């Protein structure tokens, strides 16, 4: 059974002493923003799974076995924050994580975040994205975001139960919760 934290205060206490943090959730919800702020504030290595694991230049997916090899090497490091969902690697990441932050914003907010990000950065690669992978948006990506909660949340919950026994999971379901957590950690929003 996953160990869900209900209060931002409890999550902040765990985060303050955490050495290994997973940040998961739907695209456009604020995972990378939160991840970069936390990694910088607590001196954790920021690992963007999009940049370092999943993608090669030109939006070519890295072979699955190579992805797992890269994750296996990274999780042995003592201090990190991994920004990215990919439930197929939860078996490697969850058991050694100190906390999981599940950015679980409403889908309209995720859509807004992804669309506004695409408009602002269209044709340029974000810092947390692999080189040669310029910002883009298409119907499949929007559909992925729209269906994320229905399709992926049950998979996350299954994996939390299978591989994350005792690992605290804190769900951020609103911008208010997001700001509250950052305030408790004395990090500017």
C-alpha atoms as a PDB file:
ATOM      1  CA  UNK A   1       0.000   0.000   0.000  1.00  0.00           C
ATOM      2  CA  UNK A   2       1.451   3.401  -0.925  1.00  0.00           C
ATOM      3  CA  UNK A   3       2.173   5.794   1.925  1.00  0.00           C
ATOM      4  CA  UNK A   4       0.346   8.964   0.870  1.00  0.00           C
ATOM      5  CA  UNK A   5       1.088  12.179   2.719  1.00  0.00           C
ATOM      6  CA  UNK A   6      -1.905  14.472   3.129  1.00  0.00           C
ATOM      7  CA  UNK A   7      -0.193  17.608   4.369  1.00  0.00           C
ATOM      8  CA  UNK A   8       2.352  19.813   2.628  1.00  0.00           C
ATOM      9  CA  UNK A   9       4.034  20.278   6.019  1.00  0.00           C
ATOM     10  CA  UNK A  10       4.748  16.540   6.215  1.00  0.00           C
ATOM     11  CA  UNK A  11       6.065  16.468   2.649  1.00  0.00           C
ATOM     12  CA  UNK A  12       8.303  19.479   3.313  1.00  0.00           C
ATOM     13  CA  UNK A  13       9.885  17.730   6.313  1.00  0.00           C
ATOM     14  CA  UNK A  14      10.726  14.670   4.216  1.00  0.00           C
ATOM     15  CA  UNK A  15      11.999  16.754   1.289  1.00  0.00           C
ATOM     16  CA  UNK A  16      14.276  18.812   3.552  1.00  0.00           C
ATOM     17  CA  UNK A  17      16.336  15.726   4.403  1.00  0.00           C
ATOM     18  CA  UNK A  18      15.795  13.717   1.198  1.00  0.00           C
ATOM     19  CA  UNK A  19      18.724  12.530  -0.888  1.00  0.00           C
ATOM     20  CA  UNK A  20      16.687  10.960  -3.693  1.00  0.00           C
ATOM     21  CA  UNK A  21      13.460  12.473  -4.980  1.00  0.00           C
ATOM     22  CA  UNK A  22      11.194  11.375  -7.825  1.00  0.00           C
ATOM     23  CA  UNK A  23       8.908  13.939  -9.454  1.00  0.00           C
ATOM     24  CA  UNK A  24       6.229  12.407 -11.674  1.00  0.00           C
ATOM     25  CA  UNK A  25       3.018  13.514 -13.345  1.00  0.00           C
ATOM     26  CA  UNK A  26       1.426  14.725 -16.533  1.00  0.00           C
ATOM     27  CA  UNK A  27       3.203  16.909 -19.080  1.00  0.00           C
ATOM     28  CA  UNK A  28       2.453  20.602 -18.670  1.00  0.00           C
ATOM     29  CA  UNK A  29       1.650  20.301 -14.965  1.00  0.00           C
ATOM     30  CA  UNK A  30       4.835  21.893 -13.646  1.00  0.00           C
ATOM     31  CA  UNK A  31       7.070  18.864 -12.953  1.00  0.00           C
ATOM     32  CA  UNK A  32      10.204  20.380 -14.422  1.00  0.00           C
ATOM     33  CA  UNK A  33       9.692  23.768 -12.799  1.00  0.00           C
ATOM     34  CA  UNK A  34       9.233  22.160  -9.384  1.00  0.00           C
ATOM     35  CA  UNK A  35      12.102  19.732  -9.969  1.00  0.00           C
ATOM     36  CA  UNK A  36      14.613  22.390 -10.932  1.00  0.00           C
ATOM     37  CA  UNK A  37      13.687  24.584  -7.966  1.00  0.00           C
ATOM     38  CA  UNK A  38      14.012  21.703  -5.487  1.00  0.00           C
ATOM     39  CA  UNK A  39      17.252  20.368  -6.958  1.00  0.00           C
ATOM     40  CA  UNK A  40      18.851  23.823  -6.822  1.00  0.00           C
ATOM     41  CA  UNK A  41      17.611  24.538  -3.286  1.00  0.00           C
ATOM     42  CA  UNK A  42      18.823  21.238  -1.829  1.00  0.00           C
ATOM     43  CA  UNK A  43      21.956  20.605  -3.878  1.00  0.00           C
ATOM     44  CA  UNK A  44      20.599  17.520  -5.616  1.00  0.00           C
ATOM     45  CA  UNK A  45      21.692  16.467  -9.087  1.00  0.00           C
ATOM     46  CA  UNK A  46      18.839  17.384 -11.423  1.00  0.00           C
ATOM     47  CA  UNK A  47      18.148  14.509 -13.809  1.00  0.00           C
ATOM     48  CA  UNK A  48      15.739  15.301 -16.619  1.00  0.00           C
ATOM     49  CA  UNK A  49      14.582  11.932 -17.877  1.00  0.00           C
ATOM     50  CA  UNK A  50      13.557  13.519 -21.178  1.00  0.00           C
ATOM     51  CA  UNK A  51      17.068  14.857 -21.732  1.00  0.00           C
ATOM     52  CA  UNK A  52      19.225  12.153 -20.173  1.00  0.00           C
ATOM     53  CA  UNK A  53      17.174   8.987 -20.628  1.00  0.00           C
ATOM     54  CA  UNK A  54      14.400   9.052 -23.233  1.00  0.00           C
ATOM     55  CA  UNK A  55      15.313  11.190 -26.205  1.00  0.00           C
ATOM     56  CA  UNK A  56      18.085  11.398 -28.764  1.00  0.00           C
ATOM     57  CA  UNK A  57      18.357  14.346 -31.188  1.00  0.00           C
ATOM     58  CA  UNK A  58      15.508  14.687 -33.667  1.00  0.00           C
ATOM     59  CA  UNK A  59      12.918  13.218 -31.292  1.00  0.00           C
ATOM     60  CA  UNK A  60      14.342   9.727 -31.738  1.00  0.00           C
ATOM     61  CA  UNK A  61      13.572   7.489 -28.771  1.00  0.00           C
ATOM     62  CA  UNK A  62      16.607   5.987 -27.086  1.00  0.00           C
ATOM     63  CA  UNK A  63      16.430   2.156 -27.192  1.00  0.00           C
ATOM     64  CA  UNK A  64      14.612   0.767 -24.123  1.00  0.00           C
ATOM     65  CA  UNK A  65      17.567  -1.341 -22.938  1.00  0.00           C
ATOM     66  CA  UNK A  66      19.890   1.657 -23.117  1.00  0.00           C
ATOM     67  CA  UNK A  67      17.335   3.709 -21.161  1.00  0.00           C
ATOM     68  CA  UNK A  68      17.333   1.118 -18.385  1.00  0.00           C
ATOM     69  CA  UNK A  69      21.139   0.961 -18.347  1.00  0.00           C
ATOM     70  CA  UNK A  70      21.342   4.732 -17.976  1.00  0.00           C
ATOM     71  CA  UNK A  71      18.759   4.734 -15.171  1.00  0.00           C
ATOM     72  CA  UNK A  72      20.571   1.875 -13.403  1.00  0.00           C
ATOM     73  CA  UNK A  73      23.784   3.908 -13.400  1.00  0.00           C
ATOM     74  CA  UNK A  74      22.085   7.107 -12.227  1.00  0.00           C
ATOM     75  CA  UNK A  75      20.139   5.612  -9.327  1.00  0.00           C
ATOM     76  CA  UNK A  76      23.385   4.444  -7.720  1.00  0.00           C
ATOM     77  CA  UNK A  77      24.380   8.069  -7.195  1.00  0.00           C
ATOM     78  CA  UNK A  78      23.917   9.295  -3.665  1.00  0.00           C
ATOM     79  CA  UNK A  79      21.964  12.527  -4.299  1.00  0.00           C
ATOM     80  CA  UNK A  80      19.530  13.142  -7.137  1.00  0.00           C
ATOM     81  CA  UNK A  81      16.147  14.388  -8.198  1.00  0.00           C
ATOM     82  CA  UNK A  82      14.618  12.590 -11.193  1.00  0.00           C
ATOM     83  CA  UNK A  83      12.140  14.617 -13.212  1.00  0.00           C
ATOM     84  CA  UNK A  84      10.023  12.289 -15.321  1.00  0.00           C
ATOM     85  CA  UNK A  85       7.251   9.751 -15.136  1.00  0.00           C
ATOM     86  CA  UNK A  86       7.987   6.532 -17.084  1.00  0.00           C
ATOM     87  CA  UNK A  87       6.337   3.888 -14.882  1.00  0.00           C
ATOM     88  CA  UNK A  88       8.345   1.165 -16.639  1.00  0.00           C
ATOM     89  CA  UNK A  89      11.372   2.318 -14.623  1.00  0.00           C
ATOM     90  CA  UNK A  90       9.605   2.632 -11.259  1.00  0.00           C
ATOM     91  CA  UNK A  91      11.020  -0.762 -10.267  1.00  0.00           C
ATOM     92  CA  UNK A  92      14.511   0.756 -10.372  1.00  0.00           C
ATOM     93  CA  UNK A  93      13.777   4.200  -8.924  1.00  0.00           C
ATOM     94  CA  UNK A  94      11.012   3.817  -6.351  1.00  0.00           C
ATOM     95  CA  UNK A  95      12.626   1.411  -3.866  1.00  0.00           C
ATOM     96  CA  UNK A  96      15.523   3.792  -3.230  1.00  0.00           C
ATOM     97  CA  UNK A  97      13.608   7.092  -3.360  1.00  0.00           C
ATOM     98  CA  UNK A  98      13.045   9.067  -0.189  1.00  0.00           C
ATOM     99  CA  UNK A  99       9.851  10.666  -1.499  1.00  0.00           C
ATOM    100  CA  UNK A 100       7.723  10.864  -4.646  1.00  0.00           C
ATOM    101  CA  UNK A 101       6.129  14.153  -5.609  1.00  0.00           C
ATOM    102  CA  UNK A 102       3.191  13.435  -7.889  1.00  0.00           C
ATOM    103  CA  UNK A 103       2.273  16.603  -9.772  1.00  0.00           C
ATOM    104  CA  UNK A 104      -1.378  15.835 -10.426  1.00  0.00           C
ATOM    105  CA  UNK A 105      -2.857  19.068 -11.732  1.00  0.00           C
ATOM    106  CA  UNK A 106      -6.262  19.222 -13.446  1.00  0.00           C
ATOM    107  CA  UNK A 107      -6.025  18.304 -17.105  1.00  0.00           C
ATOM    108  CA  UNK A 108      -7.129  21.735 -18.306  1.00  0.00           C
ATOM    109  CA  UNK A 109      -4.163  23.212 -16.420  1.00  0.00           C
ATOM    110  CA  UNK A 110      -1.790  20.644 -17.944  1.00  0.00           C
ATOM    111  CA  UNK A 111      -3.144  21.405 -21.413  1.00  0.00           C
ATOM    112  CA  UNK A 112      -2.745  25.128 -20.789  1.00  0.00           C
ATOM    113  CA  UNK A 113       0.805  24.596 -19.518  1.00  0.00           C
ATOM    114  CA  UNK A 114       1.820  22.476 -22.509  1.00  0.00           C
ATOM    115  CA  UNK A 115       0.202  24.766 -25.082  1.00  0.00           C
ATOM    116  CA  UNK A 116       1.612  27.969 -23.589  1.00  0.00           C
ATOM    117  CA  UNK A 117       5.060  26.357 -23.305  1.00  0.00           C
ATOM    118  CA  UNK A 118       4.883  25.282 -26.955  1.00  0.00           C
ATOM    119  CA  UNK A 119       3.868  28.762 -28.099  1.00  0.00           C
ATOM    120  CA  UNK A 120       6.588  30.506 -26.071  1.00  0.00           C
ATOM    121  CA  UNK A 121       9.355  28.130 -27.073  1.00  0.00           C
ATOM    122  CA  UNK A 122       8.205  26.832 -30.434  1.00  0.00           C
ATOM    123  CA  UNK A 123      11.113  25.511 -32.462  1.00  0.00           C
ATOM    124  CA  UNK A 124      13.612  25.725 -29.577  1.00  0.00           C
ATOM    125  CA  UNK A 125      14.696  22.924 -27.264  1.00  0.00           C
ATOM    126  CA  UNK A 126      13.995  23.514 -23.569  1.00  0.00           C
ATOM    127  CA  UNK A 127      16.948  23.069 -21.185  1.00  0.00           C
ATOM    128  CA  UNK A 128      15.363  19.909 -19.750  1.00  0.00           C
ATOM    129  CA  UNK A 129      14.922  18.402 -23.231  1.00  0.00           C
ATOM    130  CA  UNK A 130      17.515  16.597 -25.333  1.00  0.00           C
ATOM    131  CA  UNK A 131      19.413  18.680 -27.866  1.00  0.00           C
ATOM    132  CA  UNK A 132      17.827  18.602 -31.285  1.00  0.00           C
ATOM    133  CA  UNK A 133      14.330  18.138 -29.833  1.00  0.00           C
ATOM    134  CA  UNK A 134      12.662  21.500 -30.437  1.00  0.00           C
ATOM    135  CA  UNK A 135       9.407  22.374 -28.702  1.00  0.00           C
ATOM    136  CA  UNK A 136       6.386  21.146 -30.599  1.00  0.00           C
ATOM    137  CA  UNK A 137       2.791  20.216 -30.050  1.00  0.00           C
ATOM    138  CA  UNK A 138       0.490  17.905 -31.934  1.00  0.00           C
ATOM    139  CA  UNK A 139      -2.854  16.176 -31.577  1.00  0.00           C
ATOM    140  CA  UNK A 140      -1.315  12.977 -30.177  1.00  0.00           C
ATOM    141  CA  UNK A 141       0.461  14.914 -27.433  1.00  0.00           C
ATOM    142  CA  UNK A 142      -2.722  16.801 -26.523  1.00  0.00           C
ATOM    143  CA  UNK A 143      -4.633  13.499 -26.457  1.00  0.00           C
ATOM    144  CA  UNK A 144      -1.935  12.028 -24.182  1.00  0.00           C
ATOM    145  CA  UNK A 145      -2.422  14.910 -21.736  1.00  0.00           C
ATOM    146  CA  UNK A 146      -6.232  14.730 -21.935  1.00  0.00           C
ATOM    147  CA  UNK A 147      -6.236  11.001 -21.131  1.00  0.00           C
ATOM    148  CA  UNK A 148      -3.299  10.985 -18.717  1.00  0.00           C
ATOM    149  CA  UNK A 149      -5.241  10.745 -15.472  1.00  0.00           C
ATOM    150  CA  UNK A 150      -7.528   7.962 -16.670  1.00  0.00           C
ATOM    151  CA  UNK A 151      -4.804   5.893 -18.342  1.00  0.00           C
ATOM    152  CA  UNK A 152      -1.708   6.523 -16.249  1.00  0.00           C
ATOM    153  CA  UNK A 153      -2.836   7.251 -12.681  1.00  0.00           C
ATOM    154  CA  UNK A 154      -3.884   3.612 -12.087  1.00  0.00           C
ATOM    155  CA  UNK A 155      -0.487   2.440 -13.398  1.00  0.00           C
ATOM    156  CA  UNK A 156       1.304   4.864 -11.065  1.00  0.00           C
ATOM    157  CA  UNK A 157      -0.747   3.626  -8.106  1.00  0.00           C
ATOM    158  CA  UNK A 158      -0.028  -0.027  -8.957  1.00  0.00           C
ATOM    159  CA  UNK A 159       3.680   0.693  -9.195  1.00  0.00           C
ATOM    160  CA  UNK A 160       3.697   2.666  -5.944  1.00  0.00           C
ATOM    161  CA  UNK A 161       2.163  -0.388  -4.261  1.00  0.00           C
ATOM    162  CA  UNK A 162       4.534  -2.865  -5.940  1.00  0.00           C
ATOM    163  CA  UNK A 163       7.844  -1.045  -5.687  1.00  0.00           C
ATOM    164  CA  UNK A 164       7.387   1.808  -3.227  1.00  0.00           C
ATOM    165  CA  UNK A 165       6.372   0.188   0.034  1.00  0.00           C
ATOM    166  CA  UNK A 166       6.894   2.801   2.716  1.00  0.00           C
ATOM    167  CA  UNK A 167       8.029   5.502   0.276  1.00  0.00           C
ATOM    168  CA  UNK A 168       5.987   8.637   0.968  1.00  0.00           C
ATOM    169  CA  UNK A 169       3.991  10.028  -1.959  1.00  0.00           C
ATOM    170  CA  UNK A 170       2.769  13.612  -1.898  1.00  0.00           C
ATOM    171  CA  UNK A 171       0.225  14.666  -4.510  1.00  0.00           C
ATOM    172  CA  UNK A 172       0.178  18.271  -5.691  1.00  0.00           C
ATOM    173  CA  UNK A 173      -3.289  18.843  -7.141  1.00  0.00           C
ATOM    174  CA  UNK A 174      -3.404  22.640  -7.351  1.00  0.00           C
ATOM    175  CA  UNK A 175      -1.165  25.651  -7.857  1.00  0.00           C
ATOM    176  CA  UNK A 176      -2.066  26.646  -4.297  1.00  0.00           C
ATOM    177  CA  UNK A 177      -0.548  23.387  -2.975  1.00  0.00           C
ATOM    178  CA  UNK A 178       2.464  23.908  -5.244  1.00  0.00           C
ATOM    179  CA  UNK A 179       3.058  27.410  -3.793  1.00  0.00           C
ATOM    180  CA  UNK A 180       2.421  26.197  -0.233  1.00  0.00           C
ATOM    181  CA  UNK A 181       5.068  23.497  -0.541  1.00  0.00           C
ATOM    182  CA  UNK A 182       7.612  25.962  -1.949  1.00  0.00           C
ATOM    183  CA  UNK A 183       6.775  28.452   0.830  1.00  0.00           C
ATOM    184  CA  UNK A 184       7.311  25.797   3.505  1.00  0.00           C
ATOM    185  CA  UNK A 185      10.691  25.002   1.953  1.00  0.00           C
ATOM    186  CA  UNK A 186      11.578  28.715   1.708  1.00  0.00           C
ATOM    187  CA  UNK A 187      11.876  28.540  -2.082  1.00  0.00           C
ATOM    188  CA  UNK A 188      10.628  31.399  -4.238  1.00  0.00           C
ATOM    189  CA  UNK A 189       7.799  30.515  -6.610  1.00  0.00           C
END
